[in-house]
Amino acid sequence: MNCLFCKLKNNTENYLYENDSWYGIADKYPASPGHSLVILKTHKVSFFELTDHEAADAKDALEHVKKTLDAKHHPDAYNIAVNEGEAAGRTIHHVHFHLIPRYAGKGPKGGIEAIFKGQ
């Protein structure tokens, strides 16, 4: 398999957090300081393929990565995003969440459409 995220799951020294189903890493191309990815360890393409256990573990992983980012970056808010399909902007076809710290006065305004305007 030629999946970037499947290859990265063996590079544990870069993990921000790990549980049974997910691992968290810093995004290589951050939208803001601290932008991180929470990536499913098992290769699945769609969020809608997750088992109940994987979905519960996703919440756990997102909360732990958030705590790490809170301590290091002190953001004012977060965007949590899943690009579900190529038309939605997904470029790596492996389930993952974007956890994007946001800072007062330095981010998108006007709701979800403003976040993705121009992308």
PDB file of N, CA and C in Angstrom:
ATOM      1  N   MET A   1       0.851  -1.187   0.000  1.00  0.00           N
ATOM      2  CA  MET A   1       0.000   0.000   0.000  1.00  0.00           C
ATOM      3  C   MET A   1       0.890   1.242   0.000  1.00  0.00           C
ATOM      4  N   ASN A   2       0.485   2.220  -0.764  1.00  0.00           N
ATOM      5  CA  ASN A   2       1.278   3.430  -0.910  1.00  0.00           C
ATOM      6  C   ASN A   2       0.639   4.611  -0.185  1.00  0.00           C
ATOM      7  N   CYS A   3       0.120   4.390   1.021  1.00  0.00           N
ATOM      8  CA  CYS A   3      -0.566   5.430   1.769  1.00  0.00           C
ATOM      9  C   CYS A   3       0.409   6.127   2.721  1.00  0.00           C
ATOM     10  N   LEU A   4       0.527   7.436   2.587  1.00  0.00           N
ATOM     11  CA  LEU A   4       1.439   8.209   3.421  1.00  0.00           C
ATOM     12  C   LEU A   4       1.144   8.024   4.902  1.00  0.00           C
ATOM     13  N   PHE A   5      -0.128   8.071   5.296  1.00  0.00           N
ATOM     14  CA  PHE A   5      -0.468   7.966   6.716  1.00  0.00           C
ATOM     15  C   PHE A   5      -0.223   6.568   7.265  1.00  0.00           C
ATOM     16  N   CYS A   6      -0.367   5.539   6.435  1.00  0.00           N
ATOM     17  CA  CYS A   6      -0.034   4.181   6.886  1.00  0.00           C
ATOM     18  C   CYS A   6       1.470   4.064   7.142  1.00  0.00           C
ATOM     19  N   LYS A   7       2.265   4.742   6.327  1.00  0.00           N
ATOM     20  CA  LYS A   7       3.716   4.745   6.527  1.00  0.00           C
ATOM     21  C   LYS A   7       4.106   5.531   7.774  1.00  0.00           C
ATOM     22  N   LEU A   8       3.432   6.659   8.026  1.00  0.00           N
ATOM     23  CA  LEU A   8       3.760   7.507   9.170  1.00  0.00           C
ATOM     24  C   LEU A   8       3.452   6.847  10.506  1.00  0.00           C
ATOM     25  N   LYS A   9       2.497   5.899  10.534  1.00  0.00           N
ATOM     26  CA  LYS A   9       2.098   5.317  11.815  1.00  0.00           C
ATOM     27  C   LYS A   9       3.235   4.570  12.497  1.00  0.00           C
ATOM     28  N   ASN A  10       4.284   4.257  11.777  1.00  0.00           N
ATOM     29  CA  ASN A  10       5.439   3.588  12.378  1.00  0.00           C
ATOM     30  C   ASN A  10       6.496   4.565  12.893  1.00  0.00           C
ATOM     31  N   ASN A  11       6.283   5.858  12.678  1.00  0.00           N
ATOM     32  CA  ASN A  11       7.229   6.889  13.084  1.00  0.00           C
ATOM     33  C   ASN A  11       6.768   7.494  14.422  1.00  0.00           C
ATOM     34  N   THR A  12       6.785   6.672  15.469  1.00  0.00           N
ATOM     35  CA  THR A  12       6.159   7.038  16.741  1.00  0.00           C
ATOM     36  C   THR A  12       6.869   8.152  17.496  1.00  0.00           C
ATOM     37  N   GLU A  13       8.098   8.481  17.164  1.00  0.00           N
ATOM     38  CA  GLU A  13       8.773   9.557  17.902  1.00  0.00           C
ATOM     39  C   GLU A  13       8.155  10.918  17.620  1.00  0.00           C
ATOM     40  N   ASN A  14       7.372  11.040  16.562  1.00  0.00           N
ATOM     41  CA  ASN A  14       6.709  12.304  16.239  1.00  0.00           C
ATOM     42  C   ASN A  14       5.279  12.384  16.774  1.00  0.00           C
ATOM     43  N   TYR A  15       4.848  11.371  17.495  1.00  0.00           N
ATOM     44  CA  TYR A  15       3.477  11.353  18.004  1.00  0.00           C
ATOM     45  C   TYR A  15       3.275  12.399  19.090  1.00  0.00           C
ATOM     46  N   LEU A  16       2.154  13.097  19.016  1.00  0.00           N
ATOM     47  CA  LEU A  16       1.708  13.969  20.099  1.00  0.00           C
ATOM     48  C   LEU A  16       0.880  13.156  21.092  1.00  0.00           C
ATOM     49  N   TYR A  17       0.209  12.121  20.578  1.00  0.00           N
ATOM     50  CA  TYR A  17      -0.617  11.232  21.391  1.00  0.00           C
ATOM     51  C   TYR A  17      -0.924   9.989  20.567  1.00  0.00           C
ATOM     52  N   GLU A  18      -1.228   8.904  21.276  1.00  0.00           N
ATOM     53  CA  GLU A  18      -1.598   7.657  20.617  1.00  0.00           C
ATOM     54  C   GLU A  18      -2.551   6.886  21.523  1.00  0.00           C
ATOM     55  N   ASN A  19      -3.554   6.250  20.927  1.00  0.00           N
ATOM     56  CA  ASN A  19      -4.380   5.282  21.638  1.00  0.00           C
ATOM     57  C   ASN A  19      -4.527   4.050  20.748  1.00  0.00           C
ATOM     58  N   ASP A  20      -5.458   3.174  21.062  1.00  0.00           N
ATOM     59  CA  ASP A  20      -5.599   1.934  20.288  1.00  0.00           C
ATOM     60  C   ASP A  20      -5.835   2.170  18.802  1.00  0.00           C
ATOM     61  N   SER A  21      -6.581   3.211  18.470  1.00  0.00           N
ATOM     62  CA  SER A  21      -7.044   3.390  17.095  1.00  0.00           C
ATOM     63  C   SER A  21      -6.425   4.556  16.338  1.00  0.00           C
ATOM     64  N   TRP A  22      -5.882   5.549  17.047  1.00  0.00           N
ATOM     65  CA  TRP A  22      -5.471   6.808  16.426  1.00  0.00           C
ATOM     66  C   TRP A  22      -4.096   7.249  16.902  1.00  0.00           C
ATOM     67  N   TYR A  23      -3.446   8.089  16.094  1.00  0.00           N
ATOM     68  CA  TYR A  23      -2.245   8.793  16.534  1.00  0.00           C
ATOM     69  C   TYR A  23      -2.345  10.248  16.089  1.00  0.00           C
ATOM     70  N   GLY A  24      -1.723  11.121  16.859  1.00  0.00           N
ATOM     71  CA  GLY A  24      -1.735  12.542  16.556  1.00  0.00           C
ATOM     72  C   GLY A  24      -0.340  13.034  16.242  1.00  0.00           C
ATOM     73  N   ILE A  25      -0.227  13.852  15.197  1.00  0.00           N
ATOM     74  CA  ILE A  25       1.053  14.437  14.790  1.00  0.00           C
ATOM     75  C   ILE A  25       0.846  15.890  14.382  1.00  0.00           C
ATOM     76  N   ALA A  26       1.927  16.651  14.352  1.00  0.00           N
ATOM     77  CA  ALA A  26       1.881  18.016  13.818  1.00  0.00           C
ATOM     78  C   ALA A  26       1.690  17.952  12.306  1.00  0.00           C
ATOM     79  N   ASP A  27       0.881  18.846  11.766  1.00  0.00           N
ATOM     80  CA  ASP A  27       0.681  18.920  10.317  1.00  0.00           C
ATOM     81  C   ASP A  27       1.928  19.493   9.671  1.00  0.00           C
ATOM     82  N   LYS A  28       2.351  18.888   8.577  1.00  0.00           N
ATOM     83  CA  LYS A  28       3.554  19.340   7.868  1.00  0.00           C
ATOM     84  C   LYS A  28       3.349  20.706   7.199  1.00  0.00           C
ATOM     85  N   TYR A  29       2.093  21.032   6.888  1.00  0.00           N
ATOM     86  CA  TYR A  29       1.760  22.304   6.246  1.00  0.00           C
ATOM     87  C   TYR A  29       0.679  23.007   7.085  1.00  0.00           C
ATOM     88  N   PRO A  30       1.062  23.551   8.242  1.00  0.00           N
ATOM     89  CA  PRO A  30       0.057  24.068   9.181  1.00  0.00           C
ATOM     90  C   PRO A  30      -0.663  25.323   8.684  1.00  0.00           C
ATOM     91  N   ALA A  31      -1.985  25.328   8.940  1.00  0.00           N
ATOM     92  CA  ALA A  31      -2.800  26.501   8.648  1.00  0.00           C
ATOM     93  C   ALA A  31      -2.619  27.565   9.722  1.00  0.00           C
ATOM     94  N   SER A  32      -2.173  27.149  10.913  1.00  0.00           N
ATOM     95  CA  SER A  32      -1.887  28.053  12.023  1.00  0.00           C
ATOM     96  C   SER A  32      -0.905  27.336  12.942  1.00  0.00           C
ATOM     97  N   PRO A  33      -0.238  28.061  13.845  1.00  0.00           N
ATOM     98  CA  PRO A  33       0.682  27.405  14.773  1.00  0.00           C
ATOM     99  C   PRO A  33      -0.033  26.326  15.601  1.00  0.00           C
ATOM    100  N   GLY A  34       0.501  25.120  15.567  1.00  0.00           N
ATOM    101  CA  GLY A  34      -0.058  24.010  16.321  1.00  0.00           C
ATOM    102  C   GLY A  34      -0.977  23.113  15.519  1.00  0.00           C
ATOM    103  N   HIS A  35      -1.318  23.473  14.291  1.00  0.00           N
ATOM    104  CA  HIS A  35      -2.207  22.649  13.453  1.00  0.00           C
ATOM    105  C   HIS A  35      -1.712  21.207  13.486  1.00  0.00           C
ATOM    106  N   SER A  36      -2.605  20.309  13.888  1.00  0.00           N
ATOM    107  CA  SER A  36      -2.249  18.906  14.050  1.00  0.00           C
ATOM    108  C   SER A  36      -3.241  18.006  13.338  1.00  0.00           C
ATOM    109  N   LEU A  37      -2.806  16.780  13.107  1.00  0.00           N
ATOM    110  CA  LEU A  37      -3.649  15.764  12.498  1.00  0.00           C
ATOM    111  C   LEU A  37      -3.848  14.636  13.490  1.00  0.00           C
ATOM    112  N   VAL A  38      -5.050  14.089  13.535  1.00  0.00           N
ATOM    113  CA  VAL A  38      -5.350  12.893  14.308  1.00  0.00           C
ATOM    114  C   VAL A  38      -5.748  11.853  13.266  1.00  0.00           C
ATOM    115  N   ILE A  39      -4.940  10.783  13.153  1.00  0.00           N
ATOM    116  CA  ILE A  39      -5.001   9.859  12.026  1.00  0.00           C
ATOM    117  C   ILE A  39      -5.340   8.455  12.506  1.00  0.00           C
ATOM    118  N   LEU A  40      -6.278   7.818  11.809  1.00  0.00           N
ATOM    119  CA  LEU A  40      -6.660   6.446  12.112  1.00  0.00           C
ATOM    120  C   LEU A  40      -5.506   5.506  11.791  1.00  0.00           C
ATOM    121  N   LYS A  41      -5.200   4.586  12.698  1.00  0.00           N
ATOM    122  CA  LYS A  41      -4.107   3.643  12.481  1.00  0.00           C
ATOM    123  C   LYS A  41      -4.436   2.611  11.405  1.00  0.00           C
ATOM    124  N   THR A  42      -5.696   2.218  11.322  1.00  0.00           N
ATOM    125  CA  THR A  42      -6.139   1.256  10.313  1.00  0.00           C
ATOM    126  C   THR A  42      -6.476   2.010   9.040  1.00  0.00           C
ATOM    127  N   HIS A  43      -6.123   1.459   7.902  1.00  0.00           N
ATOM    128  CA  HIS A  43      -6.425   2.155   6.653  1.00  0.00           C
ATOM    129  C   HIS A  43      -7.906   2.031   6.317  1.00  0.00           C
ATOM    130  N   LYS A  44      -8.589   3.163   6.422  1.00  0.00           N
ATOM    131  CA  LYS A  44      -9.967   3.317   5.957  1.00  0.00           C
ATOM    132  C   LYS A  44     -10.024   4.667   5.283  1.00  0.00           C
ATOM    133  N   VAL A  45     -10.855   4.787   4.275  1.00  0.00           N
ATOM    134  CA  VAL A  45     -10.924   6.024   3.512  1.00  0.00           C
ATOM    135  C   VAL A  45     -11.965   6.985   4.084  1.00  0.00           C
ATOM    136  N   SER A  46     -13.098   6.457   4.502  1.00  0.00           N
ATOM    137  CA  SER A  46     -14.220   7.318   4.885  1.00  0.00           C
ATOM    138  C   SER A  46     -14.449   7.345   6.391  1.00  0.00           C
ATOM    139  N   PHE A  47     -14.754   8.525   6.894  1.00  0.00           N
ATOM    140  CA  PHE A  47     -15.170   8.700   8.280  1.00  0.00           C
ATOM    141  C   PHE A  47     -16.358   7.795   8.600  1.00  0.00           C
ATOM    142  N   PHE A  48     -17.215   7.578   7.637  1.00  0.00           N
ATOM    143  CA  PHE A  48     -18.429   6.806   7.841  1.00  0.00           C
ATOM    144  C   PHE A  48     -18.184   5.300   7.923  1.00  0.00           C
ATOM    145  N   GLU A  49     -16.941   4.874   7.743  1.00  0.00           N
ATOM    146  CA  GLU A  49     -16.560   3.471   7.905  1.00  0.00           C
ATOM    147  C   GLU A  49     -16.107   3.147   9.329  1.00  0.00           C
ATOM    148  N   LEU A  50     -15.992   4.155  10.199  1.00  0.00           N
ATOM    149  CA  LEU A  50     -15.473   3.934  11.545  1.00  0.00           C
ATOM    150  C   LEU A  50     -16.389   3.028  12.354  1.00  0.00           C
ATOM    151  N   THR A  51     -15.764   2.175  13.169  1.00  0.00           N
ATOM    152  CA  THR A  51     -16.527   1.396  14.133  1.00  0.00           C
ATOM    153  C   THR A  51     -16.869   2.305  15.315  1.00  0.00           C
ATOM    154  N   ASP A  52     -17.762   1.847  16.179  1.00  0.00           N
ATOM    155  CA  ASP A  52     -18.089   2.621  17.381  1.00  0.00           C
ATOM    156  C   ASP A  52     -16.848   2.825  18.241  1.00  0.00           C
ATOM    157  N   HIS A  53     -16.011   1.785  18.351  1.00  0.00           N
ATOM    158  CA  HIS A  53     -14.783   1.889  19.154  1.00  0.00           C
ATOM    159  C   HIS A  53     -13.838   2.934  18.563  1.00  0.00           C
ATOM    160  N   GLU A  54     -13.657   2.915  17.245  1.00  0.00           N
ATOM    161  CA  GLU A  54     -12.780   3.892  16.592  1.00  0.00           C
ATOM    162  C   GLU A  54     -13.316   5.313  16.760  1.00  0.00           C
ATOM    163  N   ALA A  55     -14.628   5.466  16.683  1.00  0.00           N
ATOM    164  CA  ALA A  55     -15.228   6.796  16.857  1.00  0.00           C
ATOM    165  C   ALA A  55     -15.005   7.308  18.280  1.00  0.00           C
ATOM    166  N   ALA A  56     -15.169   6.432  19.274  1.00  0.00           N
ATOM    167  CA  ALA A  56     -14.927   6.838  20.667  1.00  0.00           C
ATOM    168  C   ALA A  56     -13.455   7.169  20.882  1.00  0.00           C
ATOM    169  N   ASP A  57     -12.573   6.372  20.305  1.00  0.00           N
ATOM    170  CA  ASP A  57     -11.136   6.635  20.419  1.00  0.00           C
ATOM    171  C   ASP A  57     -10.746   7.937  19.722  1.00  0.00           C
ATOM    172  N   ALA A  58     -11.476   8.325  18.666  1.00  0.00           N
ATOM    173  CA  ALA A  58     -11.202   9.595  17.978  1.00  0.00           C
ATOM    174  C   ALA A  58     -11.418  10.756  18.934  1.00  0.00           C
ATOM    175  N   LYS A  59     -12.516  10.723  19.676  1.00  0.00           N
ATOM    176  CA  LYS A  59     -12.797  11.783  20.649  1.00  0.00           C
ATOM    177  C   LYS A  59     -11.689  11.849  21.686  1.00  0.00           C
ATOM    178  N   ASP A  60     -11.271  10.695  22.189  1.00  0.00           N
ATOM    179  CA  ASP A  60     -10.183  10.635  23.167  1.00  0.00           C
ATOM    180  C   ASP A  60      -8.907  11.247  22.595  1.00  0.00           C
ATOM    181  N   ALA A  61      -8.549  10.870  21.383  1.00  0.00           N
ATOM    182  CA  ALA A  61      -7.312  11.369  20.773  1.00  0.00           C
ATOM    183  C   ALA A  61      -7.383  12.874  20.534  1.00  0.00           C
ATOM    184  N   LEU A  62      -8.519  13.357  20.031  1.00  0.00           N
ATOM    185  CA  LEU A  62      -8.675  14.799  19.808  1.00  0.00           C
ATOM    186  C   LEU A  62      -8.545  15.578  21.115  1.00  0.00           C
ATOM    187  N   GLU A  63      -9.154  15.063  22.179  1.00  0.00           N
ATOM    188  CA  GLU A  63      -9.070  15.753  23.476  1.00  0.00           C
ATOM    189  C   GLU A  63      -7.639  15.788  24.000  1.00  0.00           C
ATOM    190  N   HIS A  64      -6.894  14.697  23.852  1.00  0.00           N
ATOM    191  CA  HIS A  64      -5.512  14.672  24.340  1.00  0.00           C
ATOM    192  C   HIS A  64      -4.593  15.583  23.521  1.00  0.00           C
ATOM    193  N   VAL A  65      -4.755  15.573  22.206  1.00  0.00           N
ATOM    194  CA  VAL A  65      -3.941  16.459  21.373  1.00  0.00           C
ATOM    195  C   VAL A  65      -4.293  17.915  21.691  1.00  0.00           C
ATOM    196  N   LYS A  66      -5.572  18.204  21.890  1.00  0.00           N
ATOM    197  CA  LYS A  66      -5.994  19.562  22.261  1.00  0.00           C
ATOM    198  C   LYS A  66      -5.309  20.011  23.544  1.00  0.00           C
ATOM    199  N   LYS A  67      -5.243  19.163  24.551  1.00  0.00           N
ATOM    200  CA  LYS A  67      -4.580  19.522  25.812  1.00  0.00           C
ATOM    201  C   LYS A  67      -3.107  19.861  25.576  1.00  0.00           C
ATOM    202  N   THR A  68      -2.457  19.100  24.728  1.00  0.00           N
ATOM    203  CA  THR A  68      -1.052  19.362  24.389  1.00  0.00           C
ATOM    204  C   THR A  68      -0.924  20.726  23.711  1.00  0.00           C
ATOM    205  N   LEU A  69      -1.822  21.006  22.761  1.00  0.00           N
ATOM    206  CA  LEU A  69      -1.776  22.281  22.040  1.00  0.00           C
ATOM    207  C   LEU A  69      -2.141  23.450  22.947  1.00  0.00           C
ATOM    208  N   ASP A  70      -3.109  23.240  23.851  1.00  0.00           N
ATOM    209  CA  ASP A  70      -3.465  24.289  24.816  1.00  0.00           C
ATOM    210  C   ASP A  70      -2.240  24.702  25.620  1.00  0.00           C
ATOM    211  N   ALA A  71      -1.494  23.734  26.110  1.00  0.00           N
ATOM    212  CA  ALA A  71      -0.332  24.005  26.957  1.00  0.00           C
ATOM    213  C   ALA A  71       0.797  24.695  26.184  1.00  0.00           C
ATOM    214  N   LYS A  72       0.973  24.298  24.927  1.00  0.00           N
ATOM    215  CA  LYS A  72       2.099  24.828  24.154  1.00  0.00           C
ATOM    216  C   LYS A  72       1.772  26.126  23.416  1.00  0.00           C
ATOM    217  N   HIS A  73       0.558  26.239  22.878  1.00  0.00           N
ATOM    218  CA  HIS A  73       0.232  27.353  21.986  1.00  0.00           C
ATOM    219  C   HIS A  73      -0.802  28.335  22.539  1.00  0.00           C
ATOM    220  N   HIS A  74      -1.573  27.948  23.534  1.00  0.00           N
ATOM    221  CA  HIS A  74      -2.580  28.803  24.163  1.00  0.00           C
ATOM    222  C   HIS A  74      -3.548  29.435  23.155  1.00  0.00           C
ATOM    223  N   PRO A  75      -4.160  28.629  22.283  1.00  0.00           N
ATOM    224  CA  PRO A  75      -5.096  29.200  21.319  1.00  0.00           C
ATOM    225  C   PRO A  75      -6.384  29.658  21.990  1.00  0.00           C
ATOM    226  N   ASP A  76      -7.132  30.460  21.266  1.00  0.00           N
ATOM    227  CA  ASP A  76      -8.422  30.958  21.750  1.00  0.00           C
ATOM    228  C   ASP A  76      -9.581  30.059  21.326  1.00  0.00           C
ATOM    229  N   ALA A  77      -9.377  29.258  20.297  1.00  0.00           N
ATOM    230  CA  ALA A  77     -10.445  28.409  19.763  1.00  0.00           C
ATOM    231  C   ALA A  77      -9.822  27.346  18.853  1.00  0.00           C
ATOM    232  N   TYR A  78     -10.664  26.474  18.325  1.00  0.00           N
ATOM    233  CA  TYR A  78     -10.213  25.413  17.418  1.00  0.00           C
ATOM    234  C   TYR A  78     -11.212  25.210  16.294  1.00  0.00           C
ATOM    235  N   ASN A  79     -10.693  24.766  15.151  1.00  0.00           N
ATOM    236  CA  ASN A  79     -11.500  24.146  14.110  1.00  0.00           C
ATOM    237  C   ASN A  79     -11.155  22.661  14.140  1.00  0.00           C
ATOM    238  N   ILE A  80     -12.172  21.834  14.054  1.00  0.00           N
ATOM    239  CA  ILE A  80     -11.988  20.391  13.908  1.00  0.00           C
ATOM    240  C   ILE A  80     -12.615  20.041  12.569  1.00  0.00           C
ATOM    241  N   ALA A  81     -11.829  19.468  11.663  1.00  0.00           N
ATOM    242  CA  ALA A  81     -12.333  19.241  10.312  1.00  0.00           C
ATOM    243  C   ALA A  81     -11.992  17.844   9.809  1.00  0.00           C
ATOM    244  N   VAL A  82     -12.910  17.315   9.034  1.00  0.00           N
ATOM    245  CA  VAL A  82     -12.708  16.080   8.278  1.00  0.00           C
ATOM    246  C   VAL A  82     -13.097  16.403   6.846  1.00  0.00           C
ATOM    247  N   ASN A  83     -12.195  16.230   5.926  1.00  0.00           N
ATOM    248  CA  ASN A  83     -12.516  16.421   4.514  1.00  0.00           C
ATOM    249  C   ASN A  83     -12.988  15.075   3.982  1.00  0.00           C
ATOM    250  N   GLU A  84     -14.287  14.910   3.852  1.00  0.00           N
ATOM    251  CA  GLU A  84     -14.895  13.635   3.490  1.00  0.00           C
ATOM    252  C   GLU A  84     -15.115  13.569   1.984  1.00  0.00           C
ATOM    253  N   GLY A  85     -14.089  13.170   1.285  1.00  0.00           N
ATOM    254  CA  GLY A  85     -14.149  13.039  -0.167  1.00  0.00           C
ATOM    255  C   GLY A  85     -13.262  14.051  -0.861  1.00  0.00           C
ATOM    256  N   GLU A  86     -12.898  13.709  -2.076  1.00  0.00           N
ATOM    257  CA  GLU A  86     -11.998  14.559  -2.858  1.00  0.00           C
ATOM    258  C   GLU A  86     -12.608  15.928  -3.132  1.00  0.00           C
ATOM    259  N   ALA A  87     -13.904  15.976  -3.421  1.00  0.00           N
ATOM    260  CA  ALA A  87     -14.570  17.247  -3.698  1.00  0.00           C
ATOM    261  C   ALA A  87     -14.604  18.146  -2.461  1.00  0.00           C
ATOM    262  N   ALA A  88     -14.419  17.546  -1.281  1.00  0.00           N
ATOM    263  CA  ALA A  88     -14.386  18.316  -0.031  1.00  0.00           C
ATOM    264  C   ALA A  88     -12.976  18.766   0.318  1.00  0.00           C
ATOM    265  N   GLY A  89     -12.003  18.418  -0.506  1.00  0.00           N
ATOM    266  CA  GLY A  89     -10.636  18.855  -0.276  1.00  0.00           C
ATOM    267  C   GLY A  89      -9.693  17.791   0.233  1.00  0.00           C
ATOM    268  N   ARG A  90     -10.161  16.561   0.382  1.00  0.00           N
ATOM    269  CA  ARG A  90      -9.271  15.506   0.880  1.00  0.00           C
ATOM    270  C   ARG A  90      -8.244  15.167  -0.196  1.00  0.00           C
ATOM    271  N   THR A  91      -6.972  15.180   0.189  1.00  0.00           N
ATOM    272  CA  THR A  91      -5.893  14.831  -0.737  1.00  0.00           C
ATOM    273  C   THR A  91      -5.214  13.519  -0.359  1.00  0.00           C
ATOM    274  N   ILE A  92      -5.296  13.131   0.907  1.00  0.00           N
ATOM    275  CA  ILE A  92      -4.773  11.830   1.341  1.00  0.00           C
ATOM    276  C   ILE A  92      -5.986  10.991   1.724  1.00  0.00           C
ATOM    277  N   HIS A  93      -6.179   9.913   1.020  1.00  0.00           N
ATOM    278  CA  HIS A  93      -7.387   9.107   1.154  1.00  0.00           C
ATOM    279  C   HIS A  93      -7.245   8.083   2.282  1.00  0.00           C
ATOM    280  N   HIS A  94      -7.260   8.631   3.490  1.00  0.00           N
ATOM    281  CA  HIS A  94      -7.129   7.873   4.732  1.00  0.00           C
ATOM    282  C   HIS A  94      -7.798   8.740   5.797  1.00  0.00           C
ATOM    283  N   VAL A  95      -8.670   8.159   6.607  1.00  0.00           N
ATOM    284  CA  VAL A  95      -9.438   8.946   7.579  1.00  0.00           C
ATOM    285  C   VAL A  95      -8.505   9.700   8.521  1.00  0.00           C
ATOM    286  N   HIS A  96      -8.737  11.013   8.629  1.00  0.00           N
ATOM    287  CA  HIS A  96      -7.973  11.837   9.565  1.00  0.00           C
ATOM    288  C   HIS A  96      -8.747  13.116   9.873  1.00  0.00           C
ATOM    289  N   PHE A  97      -8.478  13.648  11.048  1.00  0.00           N
ATOM    290  CA  PHE A  97      -9.051  14.911  11.505  1.00  0.00           C
ATOM    291  C   PHE A  97      -7.968  15.977  11.479  1.00  0.00           C
ATOM    292  N   HIS A  98      -8.353  17.188  11.149  1.00  0.00           N
ATOM    293  CA  HIS A  98      -7.498  18.354  11.324  1.00  0.00           C
ATOM    294  C   HIS A  98      -7.946  19.031  12.616  1.00  0.00           C
ATOM    295  N   LEU A  99      -7.025  19.262  13.520  1.00  0.00           N
ATOM    296  CA  LEU A  99      -7.279  20.030  14.740  1.00  0.00           C
ATOM    297  C   LEU A  99      -6.468  21.314  14.581  1.00  0.00           C
ATOM    298  N   ILE A 100      -7.189  22.419  14.306  1.00  0.00           N
ATOM    299  CA  ILE A 100      -6.529  23.662  13.924  1.00  0.00           C
ATOM    300  C   ILE A 100      -6.752  24.717  15.006  1.00  0.00           C
ATOM    301  N   PRO A 101      -5.694  25.057  15.750  1.00  0.00           N
ATOM    302  CA  PRO A 101      -5.825  26.126  16.741  1.00  0.00           C
ATOM    303  C   PRO A 101      -6.105  27.458  16.045  1.00  0.00           C
ATOM    304  N   ARG A 102      -6.952  28.268  16.693  1.00  0.00           N
ATOM    305  CA  ARG A 102      -7.266  29.594  16.163  1.00  0.00           C
ATOM    306  C   ARG A 102      -6.994  30.631  17.237  1.00  0.00           C
ATOM    307  N   TYR A 103      -6.582  31.799  16.792  1.00  0.00           N
ATOM    308  CA  TYR A 103      -6.134  32.860  17.681  1.00  0.00           C
ATOM    309  C   TYR A 103      -6.947  34.119  17.409  1.00  0.00           C
ATOM    310  N   ALA A 104      -7.403  34.770  18.468  1.00  0.00           N
ATOM    311  CA  ALA A 104      -8.235  35.971  18.340  1.00  0.00           C
ATOM    312  C   ALA A 104      -7.570  36.983  17.412  1.00  0.00           C
ATOM    313  N   GLY A 105      -8.330  37.472  16.458  1.00  0.00           N
ATOM    314  CA  GLY A 105      -7.832  38.471  15.530  1.00  0.00           C
ATOM    315  C   GLY A 105      -6.965  37.934  14.413  1.00  0.00           C
ATOM    316  N   LYS A 106      -6.739  36.621  14.363  1.00  0.00           N
ATOM    317  CA  LYS A 106      -5.840  36.051  13.354  1.00  0.00           C
ATOM    318  C   LYS A 106      -6.452  34.847  12.654  1.00  0.00           C
ATOM    319  N   GLY A 107      -7.730  34.876  12.421  1.00  0.00           N
ATOM    320  CA  GLY A 107      -8.312  33.694  11.801  1.00  0.00           C
ATOM    321  C   GLY A 107      -9.493  34.012  10.948  1.00  0.00           C
ATOM    322  N   PRO A 108     -10.149  32.974  10.496  1.00  0.00           N
ATOM    323  CA  PRO A 108     -11.313  33.182   9.634  1.00  0.00           C
ATOM    324  C   PRO A 108     -12.461  33.817  10.397  1.00  0.00           C
ATOM    325  N   LYS A 109     -13.265  34.573   9.676  1.00  0.00           N
ATOM    326  CA  LYS A 109     -14.460  35.175  10.264  1.00  0.00           C
ATOM    327  C   LYS A 109     -15.635  34.794   9.379  1.00  0.00           C
ATOM    328  N   GLY A 110     -16.789  34.608   9.988  1.00  0.00           N
ATOM    329  CA  GLY A 110     -17.990  34.389   9.201  1.00  0.00           C
ATOM    330  C   GLY A 110     -18.398  32.944   9.029  1.00  0.00           C
ATOM    331  N   GLY A 111     -17.969  32.070   9.893  1.00  0.00           N
ATOM    332  CA  GLY A 111     -18.430  30.694   9.839  1.00  0.00           C
ATOM    333  C   GLY A 111     -17.633  29.806   8.910  1.00  0.00           C
ATOM    334  N   ILE A 112     -18.141  28.618   8.673  1.00  0.00           N
ATOM    335  CA  ILE A 112     -17.412  27.570   7.956  1.00  0.00           C
ATOM    336  C   ILE A 112     -17.056  27.973   6.539  1.00  0.00           C
ATOM    337  N   GLU A 113     -17.918  28.688   5.848  1.00  0.00           N
ATOM    338  CA  GLU A 113     -17.612  29.094   4.482  1.00  0.00           C
ATOM    339  C   GLU A 113     -16.378  29.986   4.432  1.00  0.00           C
ATOM    340  N   ALA A 114     -16.205  30.863   5.416  1.00  0.00           N
ATOM    341  CA  ALA A 114     -15.047  31.757   5.436  1.00  0.00           C
ATOM    342  C   ALA A 114     -13.757  30.982   5.657  1.00  0.00           C
ATOM    343  N   ILE A 115     -13.830  29.869   6.381  1.00  0.00           N
ATOM    344  CA  ILE A 115     -12.636  29.075   6.651  1.00  0.00           C
ATOM    345  C   ILE A 115     -12.050  28.538   5.348  1.00  0.00           C
ATOM    346  N   PHE A 116     -12.919  28.107   4.460  1.00  0.00           N
ATOM    347  CA  PHE A 116     -12.457  27.431   3.249  1.00  0.00           C
ATOM    348  C   PHE A 116     -12.459  28.319   2.004  1.00  0.00           C
ATOM    349  N   LYS A 117     -12.831  29.577   2.167  1.00  0.00           N
ATOM    350  CA  LYS A 117     -12.865  30.493   1.026  1.00  0.00           C
ATOM    351  C   LYS A 117     -11.456  30.607   0.422  1.00  0.00           C
ATOM    352  N   GLY A 118     -11.382  30.424  -0.858  1.00  0.00           N
ATOM    353  CA  GLY A 118     -10.116  30.572  -1.559  1.00  0.00           C
ATOM    354  C   GLY A 118      -9.242  29.332  -1.536  1.00  0.00           C
ATOM    355  N   GLN A 119      -9.700  28.276  -0.933  1.00  0.00           N
ATOM    356  CA  GLN A 119      -8.870  27.056  -0.926  1.00  0.00           C
ATOM    357  C   GLN A 119      -9.263  26.139  -2.041  1.00  0.00           C
TER     358      GLN A 119
END
